[in-house]
């Protein structure tokens, strides 16, 4: 099912100065989404924060306002959009190959840029290992990226517009229920915050649209994979997640009026969340490092909190 025709016309979205007013239980839920911690170092068992799986699995954003990723004097030069090639918005390091994509520069410059991003990946792994001991041995490293472009002024279709509240789901890369754990760090050298909006809890969001989500066309998953449109088979879960992503982004009234709050991540702040569960939008900022990790549902401390299990409860069937 497609969104109603009038929602497909680039609906206006909320701005950082025009967020919806929220009251009562919804306001309390939104205040509880972001949890701040005092950590100042990335790894090591002696650091203050450990074993916070319950907070992130329940849909929380774990924020570390004093946990900066320190760039060397030489690495400061990479905080410039010119290092991204004209076709890419991000410079990414692909694992397990270690291939650097989306970057422009000489071989020596690209080697230094690659080293910086790889070092961030290693710091992120050390942090995740300390914060989430239950996941040790189960987290798989996904892409590492530098995002040097300013959010302001980016031209995107409504479906690609990350300034609209959404959960992460990808048309060409079906996750089949695998979780997306992400570690972000604002490395802006000019004092500019990374501004997000965060929205309602996942199950409340799913209930809002689930009645408008039909089943996929029979055989469509096989055709998409056979033709190379998807990297692997798109499951019923992937179909529902994509529809939730698209329905929310195409719904201008939802973007303007749904429960939401603004969160500013100052330079030097690191934050962690499951981006397939936290409803989020990026409104402003420039120069971000990001590390993705993959985690199977069975390896969560509380598998019942995952989007897969939540959607299966709501829909009364397995989403395979």
Protein backbone atom coordinates (compact mmCIF):
# COMPACT_ATOMS: atom_id res chain seq x y z
CA UNK A 1 0.00 0.00 0.00
CA UNK A 2 1.28 3.45 -0.90
CA UNK A 3 0.82 6.49 1.32
CA UNK A 4 -2.19 8.63 0.39
CA UNK A 5 -1.45 10.71 -2.69
CA UNK A 6 -1.46 14.04 -0.87
CA UNK A 7 1.29 12.86 1.47
CA UNK A 8 3.66 12.19 -1.41
CA UNK A 9 4.16 15.87 -2.28
CA UNK A 10 7.17 16.79 -0.21
CA UNK A 11 5.23 17.67 2.97
CA UNK A 12 6.80 20.32 5.21
CA UNK A 13 8.60 18.97 8.24
CA UNK A 14 9.15 20.26 11.73
CA UNK A 15 12.04 22.67 12.22
CA UNK A 16 14.35 22.94 15.20
CA UNK A 17 12.37 25.98 16.33
CA UNK A 18 8.91 24.58 15.66
CA UNK A 19 8.63 21.24 17.41
CA UNK A 20 5.33 19.82 18.55
CA UNK A 21 4.23 20.56 22.10
CA UNK A 22 4.12 17.38 24.19
CA UNK A 23 2.39 16.88 27.51
CA UNK A 24 1.69 14.19 30.07
CA UNK A 25 2.93 10.62 29.66
CA UNK A 26 4.29 11.29 26.16
CA UNK A 27 6.49 14.10 27.48
CA UNK A 28 7.82 11.86 30.26
CA UNK A 29 8.63 9.09 27.77
CA UNK A 30 10.55 11.51 25.57
CA UNK A 31 12.52 12.89 28.50
CA UNK A 32 13.52 9.33 29.38
CA UNK A 33 14.93 8.55 25.93
CA UNK A 34 18.32 10.24 26.41
CA UNK A 35 20.52 9.00 29.26
CA UNK A 36 23.73 10.93 30.03
CA UNK A 37 26.90 9.38 31.46
CA UNK A 38 30.13 11.02 32.75
CA UNK A 39 32.72 8.86 30.94
CA UNK A 40 35.78 10.61 29.52
CA UNK A 41 37.70 7.61 28.13
CA UNK A 42 36.69 4.97 25.59
CA UNK A 43 37.94 1.61 26.86
CA UNK A 44 39.06 -0.20 29.96
CA UNK A 45 37.12 -1.90 32.71
CA UNK A 46 37.97 0.85 35.20
CA UNK A 47 35.73 3.37 33.39
CA UNK A 48 32.51 4.31 35.21
CA UNK A 49 29.78 3.01 32.88
CA UNK A 50 29.27 -0.73 32.38
CA UNK A 51 26.47 -3.15 31.51
CA UNK A 52 23.86 -0.72 30.19
CA UNK A 53 22.26 -3.14 27.74
CA UNK A 54 18.81 -2.62 29.26
CA UNK A 55 18.91 1.11 28.55
CA UNK A 56 19.83 0.82 24.88
CA UNK A 57 17.57 -2.19 24.22
CA UNK A 58 14.55 -0.34 25.61
CA UNK A 59 15.01 2.36 22.96
CA UNK A 60 17.29 4.73 24.83
CA UNK A 61 20.00 7.01 23.48
CA UNK A 62 23.13 6.77 25.62
CA UNK A 63 24.94 10.13 25.56
CA UNK A 64 28.49 10.85 26.73
CA UNK A 65 28.97 14.65 26.71
CA UNK A 66 32.64 14.42 27.77
CA UNK A 67 33.71 11.52 25.55
CA UNK A 68 35.50 13.20 22.65
CA UNK A 69 37.37 11.46 19.86
CA UNK A 70 40.66 13.33 19.74
CA UNK A 71 42.06 14.11 16.32
CA UNK A 72 45.77 14.71 15.87
CA UNK A 73 46.97 18.02 14.47
CA UNK A 74 47.51 16.31 11.12
CA UNK A 75 44.03 14.76 11.16
CA UNK A 76 42.32 18.11 11.67
CA UNK A 77 42.71 18.73 7.93
CA UNK A 78 40.14 16.02 7.22
CA UNK A 79 37.39 18.19 8.72
CA UNK A 80 36.70 19.64 5.31
CA UNK A 81 34.08 18.57 2.72
CA UNK A 82 36.72 18.47 -0.02
CA UNK A 83 37.85 15.03 1.18
CA UNK A 84 34.52 13.52 0.07
CA UNK A 85 34.23 12.90 -3.66
CA UNK A 86 31.49 14.68 -5.59
CA UNK A 87 29.19 11.63 -5.68
CA UNK A 88 29.28 10.75 -1.98
CA UNK A 89 27.88 12.43 1.11
CA UNK A 90 29.99 10.21 3.39
CA UNK A 91 33.51 8.83 3.40
CA UNK A 92 33.17 5.19 4.45
CA UNK A 93 35.44 2.35 5.43
CA UNK A 94 33.90 -1.00 4.48
CA UNK A 95 34.51 -4.10 6.54
CA UNK A 96 35.81 -6.76 6.45
CA UNK A 97 37.67 -5.64 3.30
CA UNK A 98 38.88 -2.33 4.74
CA UNK A 99 38.08 -0.60 1.45
CA UNK A 100 37.83 3.20 1.64
CA UNK A 101 34.97 4.62 -0.44
CA UNK A 102 33.69 8.08 -1.24
CA UNK A 103 37.01 9.84 -0.59
CA UNK A 104 39.16 12.10 -2.78
CA UNK A 105 42.90 12.69 -2.36
CA UNK A 106 46.37 11.38 -3.07
CA UNK A 107 47.33 7.83 -2.00
CA UNK A 108 49.24 9.19 1.01
CA UNK A 109 46.33 11.44 2.03
CA UNK A 110 43.81 8.63 1.67
CA UNK A 111 46.00 6.33 3.77
CA UNK A 112 46.03 8.90 6.58
CA UNK A 113 42.28 9.41 6.28
CA UNK A 114 41.71 5.68 6.36
CA UNK A 115 43.88 5.38 9.48
CA UNK A 116 41.82 8.05 11.28
CA UNK A 117 38.51 6.34 10.50
CA UNK A 118 39.91 2.92 11.44
CA UNK A 119 41.11 4.34 14.75
CA UNK A 120 37.56 5.56 15.41
CA UNK A 121 36.25 2.07 14.66
CA UNK A 122 38.65 0.61 17.21
CA UNK A 123 37.67 3.18 19.84
CA UNK A 124 34.00 2.41 19.20
CA UNK A 125 34.59 -1.32 19.62
CA UNK A 126 36.36 -0.73 22.93
CA UNK A 127 33.45 1.42 24.12
CA UNK A 128 30.80 -1.10 23.02
CA UNK A 129 32.66 -3.94 24.70
CA UNK A 130 32.67 -2.05 28.00
CA UNK A 131 29.11 -0.75 27.82
CA UNK A 132 27.59 -4.03 26.64
CA UNK A 133 29.46 -7.06 28.05
CA UNK A 134 26.52 -9.29 27.06
CA UNK A 135 27.32 -8.57 23.39
CA UNK A 136 30.99 -9.51 23.54
CA UNK A 137 31.83 -11.99 20.81
CA UNK A 138 28.57 -11.26 19.00
CA UNK A 139 28.91 -7.71 17.65
CA UNK A 140 30.01 -7.58 14.01
CA UNK A 141 31.70 -4.46 12.70
CA UNK A 142 29.77 -2.71 9.95
CA UNK A 143 30.76 0.38 8.00
CA UNK A 144 32.77 3.18 9.62
CA UNK A 145 32.16 6.65 8.24
CA UNK A 146 33.14 10.29 8.30
CA UNK A 147 30.27 12.63 7.43
CA UNK A 148 31.90 15.94 6.44
CA UNK A 149 28.94 17.60 4.74
CA UNK A 150 26.68 20.14 6.44
CA UNK A 151 23.14 18.95 7.08
CA UNK A 152 21.82 22.42 6.22
CA UNK A 153 20.76 22.90 2.64
CA UNK A 154 20.95 19.27 1.57
CA UNK A 155 18.48 18.51 -1.22
CA UNK A 156 16.85 15.10 -0.89
CA UNK A 157 13.67 13.37 -1.98
CA UNK A 158 11.19 12.88 0.85
CA UNK A 159 12.22 9.23 1.14
CA UNK A 160 15.93 10.09 1.47
CA UNK A 161 15.40 13.15 3.68
CA UNK A 162 16.88 12.27 7.07
CA UNK A 163 15.55 15.55 8.52
CA UNK A 164 12.23 13.68 8.76
CA UNK A 165 11.61 11.41 11.74
CA UNK A 166 12.31 7.80 10.79
CA UNK A 167 13.67 4.45 11.87
CA UNK A 168 16.55 3.06 9.84
CA UNK A 169 15.58 0.57 7.14
CA UNK A 170 17.25 0.12 3.77
CA UNK A 171 15.65 -0.87 0.44
CA UNK A 172 18.76 -2.56 -0.98
CA UNK A 173 20.15 -4.06 2.25
CA UNK A 174 17.54 -6.18 4.06
CA UNK A 175 18.51 -6.73 7.69
CA UNK A 176 16.23 -9.77 8.28
CA UNK A 177 15.87 -8.74 11.93
CA UNK A 178 19.56 -8.07 12.62
CA UNK A 179 19.96 -5.05 14.90
CA UNK A 180 21.76 -1.81 13.97
CA UNK A 181 23.81 -0.50 16.89
CA UNK A 182 25.46 2.83 16.09
CA UNK A 183 28.14 4.91 17.81
CA UNK A 184 28.19 8.59 16.78
CA UNK A 185 30.65 11.33 17.71
CA UNK A 186 30.41 15.04 16.91
CA UNK A 187 33.90 16.17 15.86
CA UNK A 188 32.88 19.64 14.68
CA UNK A 189 35.82 22.06 15.28
CA UNK A 190 33.67 25.21 15.17
CA UNK A 191 31.40 24.68 18.17
CA UNK A 192 28.39 23.52 16.13
CA UNK A 193 26.08 20.99 17.76
CA UNK A 194 24.60 18.00 15.95
CA UNK A 195 20.87 18.59 16.33
CA UNK A 196 18.49 15.64 16.38
CA UNK A 197 14.81 15.21 16.92
CA UNK A 198 13.77 12.02 18.69
CA UNK A 199 10.22 10.69 18.64
CA UNK A 200 7.79 8.27 20.20
CA UNK A 201 8.76 4.74 21.35
CA UNK A 202 8.96 2.07 18.67
CA UNK A 203 5.83 0.11 19.54
CA UNK A 204 3.70 3.26 19.72
CA UNK A 205 5.08 4.27 16.35
CA UNK A 206 4.39 0.86 14.82
CA UNK A 207 0.79 0.90 16.07
CA UNK A 208 0.27 4.25 14.36
CA UNK A 209 0.85 2.80 10.87
CA UNK A 210 0.58 -0.95 11.10
CA UNK A 211 -3.01 -1.03 9.83
CA UNK A 212 -1.86 0.58 6.58
CA UNK A 213 0.81 -2.05 5.88
CA UNK A 214 -0.22 -4.90 3.63
CA UNK A 215 1.75 -7.99 2.71
CA UNK A 216 4.38 -7.84 -0.04
CA UNK A 217 3.57 -9.12 -3.52
CA UNK A 218 4.04 -12.92 -3.69
CA UNK A 219 7.45 -13.73 -5.13
CA UNK A 220 8.70 -10.14 -4.92
CA UNK A 221 11.49 -10.97 -2.46
CA UNK A 222 12.86 -13.64 -4.80
CA UNK A 223 12.78 -11.33 -7.80
CA UNK A 224 14.45 -8.44 -5.95
CA UNK A 225 17.30 -10.70 -4.84
CA UNK A 226 17.63 -12.45 -8.21
CA UNK A 227 17.86 -9.15 -10.09
CA UNK A 228 20.44 -7.82 -7.64
CA UNK A 229 18.17 -5.03 -6.38
CA UNK A 230 18.60 -6.32 -2.83
CA UNK A 231 21.79 -7.78 -1.37
CA UNK A 232 19.84 -10.68 0.13
CA UNK A 233 16.23 -11.78 0.51
CA UNK A 234 13.81 -9.14 1.77
CA UNK A 235 11.81 -10.78 4.55
CA UNK A 236 8.33 -9.87 5.79
CA UNK A 237 10.08 -8.01 8.60
CA UNK A 238 12.09 -5.92 6.13
CA UNK A 239 8.90 -5.14 4.21
CA UNK A 240 7.17 -3.84 7.35
CA UNK A 241 10.19 -1.80 8.45
CA UNK A 242 10.48 -0.16 5.02
CA UNK A 243 6.81 0.72 5.08
CA UNK A 244 7.15 2.22 8.58
CA UNK A 245 10.13 4.25 7.32
CA UNK A 246 8.27 5.52 4.25
CA UNK A 247 4.88 6.13 5.84
CA UNK A 248 6.41 8.26 8.57
CA UNK A 249 8.56 10.29 6.20
CA UNK A 250 5.63 10.91 3.84
CA UNK A 251 3.25 11.97 6.62
CA UNK A 252 3.59 15.74 7.00
CA UNK A 253 1.11 15.94 9.88
CA UNK A 254 3.03 13.28 11.78
CA UNK A 255 6.31 15.11 11.20
CA UNK A 256 4.85 18.35 12.54
CA UNK A 257 2.59 17.15 15.37
CA UNK A 258 3.76 13.81 16.71
CA UNK A 259 5.45 13.54 20.13
CA UNK A 260 9.06 14.63 19.69
CA UNK A 261 11.86 16.54 21.35
CA UNK A 262 15.04 18.25 20.25
CA UNK A 263 18.41 16.95 21.40
CA UNK A 264 21.63 18.90 20.76
CA UNK A 265 24.86 16.89 20.84
CA UNK A 266 27.68 19.38 21.41
CA UNK A 267 31.12 18.92 19.87
CA UNK A 268 33.03 16.28 21.81
CA UNK A 269 29.85 14.31 22.55
CA UNK A 270 29.51 10.62 21.74
CA UNK A 271 26.12 8.88 21.67
CA UNK A 272 24.96 5.30 21.10
CA UNK A 273 21.61 3.87 20.08
CA UNK A 274 19.86 1.17 18.07
CA UNK A 275 18.91 3.26 15.03
CA UNK A 276 16.41 0.66 13.82
CA UNK A 277 14.42 1.31 17.02
CA UNK A 278 14.93 4.97 17.95
CA UNK A 279 12.78 7.33 15.90
CA UNK A 280 15.18 10.11 14.91
CA UNK A 281 15.84 12.96 12.50
CA UNK A 282 18.98 15.02 11.98
CA UNK A 283 18.27 18.73 11.68
CA UNK A 284 21.65 20.48 11.81
CA UNK A 285 25.36 19.87 12.14
CA UNK A 286 28.54 19.07 10.25
CA UNK A 287 31.49 16.73 10.78
CA UNK A 288 30.42 13.46 12.34
CA UNK A 289 32.08 10.09 12.85
CA UNK A 290 29.85 7.02 12.93
CA UNK A 291 30.40 3.33 13.53
CA UNK A 292 27.78 0.67 12.83
CA UNK A 293 27.66 -2.72 14.52
CA UNK A 294 25.40 -5.65 13.66
CA UNK A 295 23.86 -7.84 16.36
CA UNK A 296 21.49 -10.77 16.02
CA UNK A 297 18.22 -10.66 17.96
CA UNK A 298 19.09 -13.85 19.85
CA UNK A 299 22.23 -12.17 21.21
CA UNK A 300 20.36 -9.31 22.88
CA UNK A 301 19.98 -9.40 26.63
CA UNK A 302 16.22 -8.94 26.14
CA UNK A 303 15.26 -10.21 22.65
CA UNK A 304 11.61 -9.31 23.27
CA UNK A 305 12.49 -5.60 23.05
CA UNK A 306 13.72 -5.87 19.44
CA UNK A 307 11.70 -4.41 16.55
CA UNK A 308 11.34 -7.92 15.11
CA UNK A 309 9.74 -9.36 18.23
CA UNK A 310 7.66 -6.20 18.80
CA UNK A 311 6.24 -6.33 15.28
CA UNK A 312 5.55 -10.05 15.52
CA UNK A 313 3.53 -9.47 18.70
CA UNK A 314 1.59 -6.60 17.15
CA UNK A 315 0.87 -8.49 13.91
CA UNK A 316 0.29 -11.89 15.47
CA UNK A 317 2.56 -13.78 13.07
CA UNK A 318 6.19 -14.59 12.37
CA UNK A 319 7.86 -12.10 10.04
CA UNK A 320 10.18 -14.32 8.05
